[in-house]
Structures are given as structure tokens and as C-alpha cells.
Amino acid sequence: MRMLLKVSIDTEKGNQAFRDGTLPKVMQWAREQLNPEAAFFSPTDGVRTAYFVFDMQETSHIPSIVEPFFEKLGAHVELTPAMDFSDVQAGVQRAGETMKNFQ
């Protein structure tokens, strides 16, 4: 399932991770492990933030995906199912068919 992972990094822990080289290591790890179709980095709400769009095969992978961000960066993590345009089109069609049952 396509997922959107938002990682908001604690400023203090992020500063330390920047200075000691942990921050780029964690981001490289994420790039290799998640194999994201897209990755973006931006200051959001005043903190370093990373966004990854990737395919998660099993929900049992959640702990191994998020734990490095918690442990190494003190991050706040959000993991959300996401759709591309073709997914939305298929979903809207299915929803229309489902709603016919309620007419």
C-alpha cells in the first residue's frame, strides 16, 4: 500500500544529529530501506521535516520503519495511506457503485 511518511524532527535532537553525522545516516537509511517513489525535505511548522512516499508491503513493518526516527532523531512521525490520481479515479468509481446500494 502506498504510504506517506511525515517525519518532523525535534530541534534539539536534530541539531545534535546534524553535528554528529547521525542525521544524514538516518536519511540515507530511509532512502535505502523505503525505496521511496518520492522524498521531500522542508522546514514545516518550524522544524526539519522529511516526507517519503513509499510502498509498505505489510503493516508489521511499521515499527522497523518508524523506530530509527524516534530513537535517533526524537521525531514526531505520521504514517498515512495515500493515493495517486489513478487510485482516486478507481476509488471514486467504486464509491459510486457502492452508493447505488443506498438509493
C-alpha atoms as a PDB file:
ATOM      1  CA  MET A   1       0.000   0.000   0.000  1.00  0.00           C
ATOM      2  CA  ARG A   2       1.285   3.442  -0.884  1.00  0.00           C
ATOM      3  CA  MET A   3       2.043   5.419   2.258  1.00  0.00           C
ATOM      4  CA  LEU A   4       3.003   8.993   3.057  1.00  0.00           C
ATOM      5  CA  LEU A   5       5.509   9.174   5.901  1.00  0.00           C
ATOM      6  CA  LYS A   6       5.987  12.586   7.505  1.00  0.00           C
ATOM      7  CA  VAL A   7       8.951  12.870   9.875  1.00  0.00           C
ATOM      8  CA  SER A   8       9.141  16.066  11.967  1.00  0.00           C
ATOM      9  CA  ILE A   9      12.494  16.186  13.730  1.00  0.00           C
ATOM     10  CA  ASP A  10      12.907  17.552  17.246  1.00  0.00           C
ATOM     11  CA  THR A  11      15.092  20.671  17.009  1.00  0.00           C
ATOM     12  CA  GLU A  12      17.485  19.843  19.848  1.00  0.00           C
ATOM     13  CA  LYS A  13      17.930  16.220  18.856  1.00  0.00           C
ATOM     14  CA  GLY A  14      18.106  17.242  15.187  1.00  0.00           C
ATOM     15  CA  ASN A  15      20.858  19.770  15.909  1.00  0.00           C
ATOM     16  CA  GLN A  16      22.871  17.108  17.712  1.00  0.00           C
ATOM     17  CA  ALA A  17      22.234  14.582  14.930  1.00  0.00           C
ATOM     18  CA  PHE A  18      23.344  17.177  12.367  1.00  0.00           C
ATOM     19  CA  ARG A  19      26.577  17.862  14.278  1.00  0.00           C
ATOM     20  CA  ASP A  20      27.485  14.218  14.926  1.00  0.00           C
ATOM     21  CA  GLY A  21      26.560  12.906  11.460  1.00  0.00           C
ATOM     22  CA  THR A  22      23.536  10.864  12.534  1.00  0.00           C
ATOM     23  CA  LEU A  23      21.020  12.914  10.532  1.00  0.00           C
ATOM     24  CA  PRO A  24      22.427  12.117   7.080  1.00  0.00           C
ATOM     25  CA  LYS A  25      22.912   8.472   8.116  1.00  0.00           C
ATOM     26  CA  VAL A  26      19.252   8.129   9.098  1.00  0.00           C
ATOM     27  CA  MET A  27      18.094   9.808   5.880  1.00  0.00           C
ATOM     28  CA  GLN A  28      20.345   7.530   3.820  1.00  0.00           C
ATOM     29  CA  TRP A  29      18.983   4.522   5.710  1.00  0.00           C
ATOM     30  CA  ALA A  30      15.425   5.679   4.933  1.00  0.00           C
ATOM     31  CA  ARG A  31      16.265   6.093   1.263  1.00  0.00           C
ATOM     32  CA  GLU A  32      17.712   2.591   1.067  1.00  0.00           C
ATOM     33  CA  GLN A  33      15.094   0.815   3.197  1.00  0.00           C
ATOM     34  CA  LEU A  34      11.953   2.548   1.984  1.00  0.00           C
ATOM     35  CA  ASN A  35      12.974   2.891  -1.657  1.00  0.00           C
ATOM     36  CA  PRO A  36      10.586   5.862  -1.884  1.00  0.00           C
ATOM     37  CA  GLU A  37       8.975   6.890  -5.147  1.00  0.00           C
ATOM     38  CA  ALA A  38       9.398  10.450  -3.838  1.00  0.00           C
ATOM     39  CA  ALA A  39      11.205  12.138  -0.968  1.00  0.00           C
ATOM     40  CA  PHE A  40      10.981  15.800   0.003  1.00  0.00           C
ATOM     41  CA  PHE A  41      12.629  17.830   2.750  1.00  0.00           C
ATOM     42  CA  SER A  42      11.313  21.118   4.088  1.00  0.00           C
ATOM     43  CA  PRO A  43      11.083  23.180   7.246  1.00  0.00           C
ATOM     44  CA  THR A  44       7.464  22.698   8.371  1.00  0.00           C
ATOM     45  CA  ASP A  45       5.971  24.314  11.462  1.00  0.00           C
ATOM     46  CA  GLY A  46       9.464  25.491  12.394  1.00  0.00           C
ATOM     47  CA  VAL A  47      11.192  22.087  12.370  1.00  0.00           C
ATOM     48  CA  ARG A  48      13.167  19.971   9.920  1.00  0.00           C
ATOM     49  CA  THR A  49      10.675  17.741   8.134  1.00  0.00           C
ATOM     50  CA  ALA A  50      11.032  14.865   5.689  1.00  0.00           C
ATOM     51  CA  TYR A  51       8.263  13.402   3.548  1.00  0.00           C
ATOM     52  CA  PHE A  52       8.563   9.975   1.962  1.00  0.00           C
ATOM     53  CA  VAL A  53       6.087   8.320  -0.406  1.00  0.00           C
ATOM     54  CA  PHE A  54       6.711   4.589  -0.465  1.00  0.00           C
ATOM     55  CA  ASP A  55       5.072   1.189  -0.785  1.00  0.00           C
ATOM     56  CA  MET A  56       4.559  -0.643   2.516  1.00  0.00           C
ATOM     57  CA  GLN A  57       4.102  -4.367   1.990  1.00  0.00           C
ATOM     58  CA  GLU A  58       2.895  -5.251   5.498  1.00  0.00           C
ATOM     59  CA  THR A  59       1.720  -3.272   8.496  1.00  0.00           C
ATOM     60  CA  SER A  60       4.105  -5.350  10.615  1.00  0.00           C
ATOM     61  CA  HIS A  61       6.876  -3.221   9.058  1.00  0.00           C
ATOM     62  CA  ILE A  62       5.675  -0.092  10.861  1.00  0.00           C
ATOM     63  CA  PRO A  63       7.877  -0.491  13.971  1.00  0.00           C
ATOM     64  CA  SER A  64      11.045  -1.079  11.958  1.00  0.00           C
ATOM     65  CA  ILE A  65      10.237   1.911   9.737  1.00  0.00           C
ATOM     66  CA  VAL A  66       9.489   4.471  12.444  1.00  0.00           C
ATOM     67  CA  GLU A  67      11.750   3.411  15.323  1.00  0.00           C
ATOM     68  CA  PRO A  68      15.002   4.865  13.890  1.00  0.00           C
ATOM     69  CA  PHE A  69      13.278   8.259  13.541  1.00  0.00           C
ATOM     70  CA  PHE A  70      12.026   8.116  17.142  1.00  0.00           C
ATOM     71  CA  GLU A  71      15.263   6.841  18.646  1.00  0.00           C
ATOM     72  CA  LYS A  72      17.894   8.735  16.651  1.00  0.00           C
ATOM     73  CA  LEU A  73      16.073  11.997  15.881  1.00  0.00           C
ATOM     74  CA  GLY A  74      13.385  12.383  18.551  1.00  0.00           C
ATOM     75  CA  ALA A  75      10.955  12.762  15.661  1.00  0.00           C
ATOM     76  CA  HIS A  76       7.193  13.057  15.568  1.00  0.00           C
ATOM     77  CA  VAL A  77       6.074  10.591  12.895  1.00  0.00           C
ATOM     78  CA  GLU A  78       2.853  10.405  10.878  1.00  0.00           C
ATOM     79  CA  LEU A  79       2.145   7.475   8.570  1.00  0.00           C
ATOM     80  CA  THR A  80      -0.853   7.872   6.264  1.00  0.00           C
ATOM     81  CA  PRO A  81      -2.238   5.776   3.405  1.00  0.00           C
ATOM     82  CA  ALA A  82      -2.024   7.801   0.198  1.00  0.00           C
ATOM     83  CA  MET A  83      -3.408   7.577  -3.335  1.00  0.00           C
ATOM     84  CA  ASP A  84      -2.162   8.764  -6.682  1.00  0.00           C
ATOM     85  CA  PHE A  85      -4.604  10.073  -9.298  1.00  0.00           C
ATOM     86  CA  SER A  86      -5.341   6.652 -10.804  1.00  0.00           C
ATOM     87  CA  ASP A  87      -6.100   5.304  -7.301  1.00  0.00           C
ATOM     88  CA  VAL A  88      -8.520   8.185  -6.721  1.00  0.00           C
ATOM     89  CA  GLN A  89     -10.258   7.553 -10.041  1.00  0.00           C
ATOM     90  CA  ALA A  90     -10.712   3.853  -9.270  1.00  0.00           C
ATOM     91  CA  GLY A  91     -11.851   4.637  -5.729  1.00  0.00           C
ATOM     92  CA  VAL A  92     -14.419   7.204  -6.860  1.00  0.00           C
ATOM     93  CA  GLN A  93     -15.839   4.722  -9.354  1.00  0.00           C
ATOM     94  CA  ARG A  94     -16.079   2.041  -6.651  1.00  0.00           C
ATOM     95  CA  ALA A  95     -17.647   4.504  -4.226  1.00  0.00           C
ATOM     96  CA  GLY A  96     -20.253   5.444  -6.855  1.00  0.00           C
ATOM     97  CA  GLU A  97     -21.132   1.791  -7.326  1.00  0.00           C
ATOM     98  CA  THR A  98     -21.377   1.303  -3.573  1.00  0.00           C
ATOM     99  CA  MET A  99     -23.628   4.345  -3.170  1.00  0.00           C
ATOM    100  CA  LYS A 100     -26.098   2.910  -5.710  1.00  0.00           C
ATOM    101  CA  ASN A 101     -26.993   0.400  -2.993  1.00  0.00           C
ATOM    102  CA  PHE A 102     -28.358   3.282  -0.895  1.00  0.00           C
ATOM    103  CA  GLN A 103     -30.643   4.880  -3.489  1.00  0.00           C
END
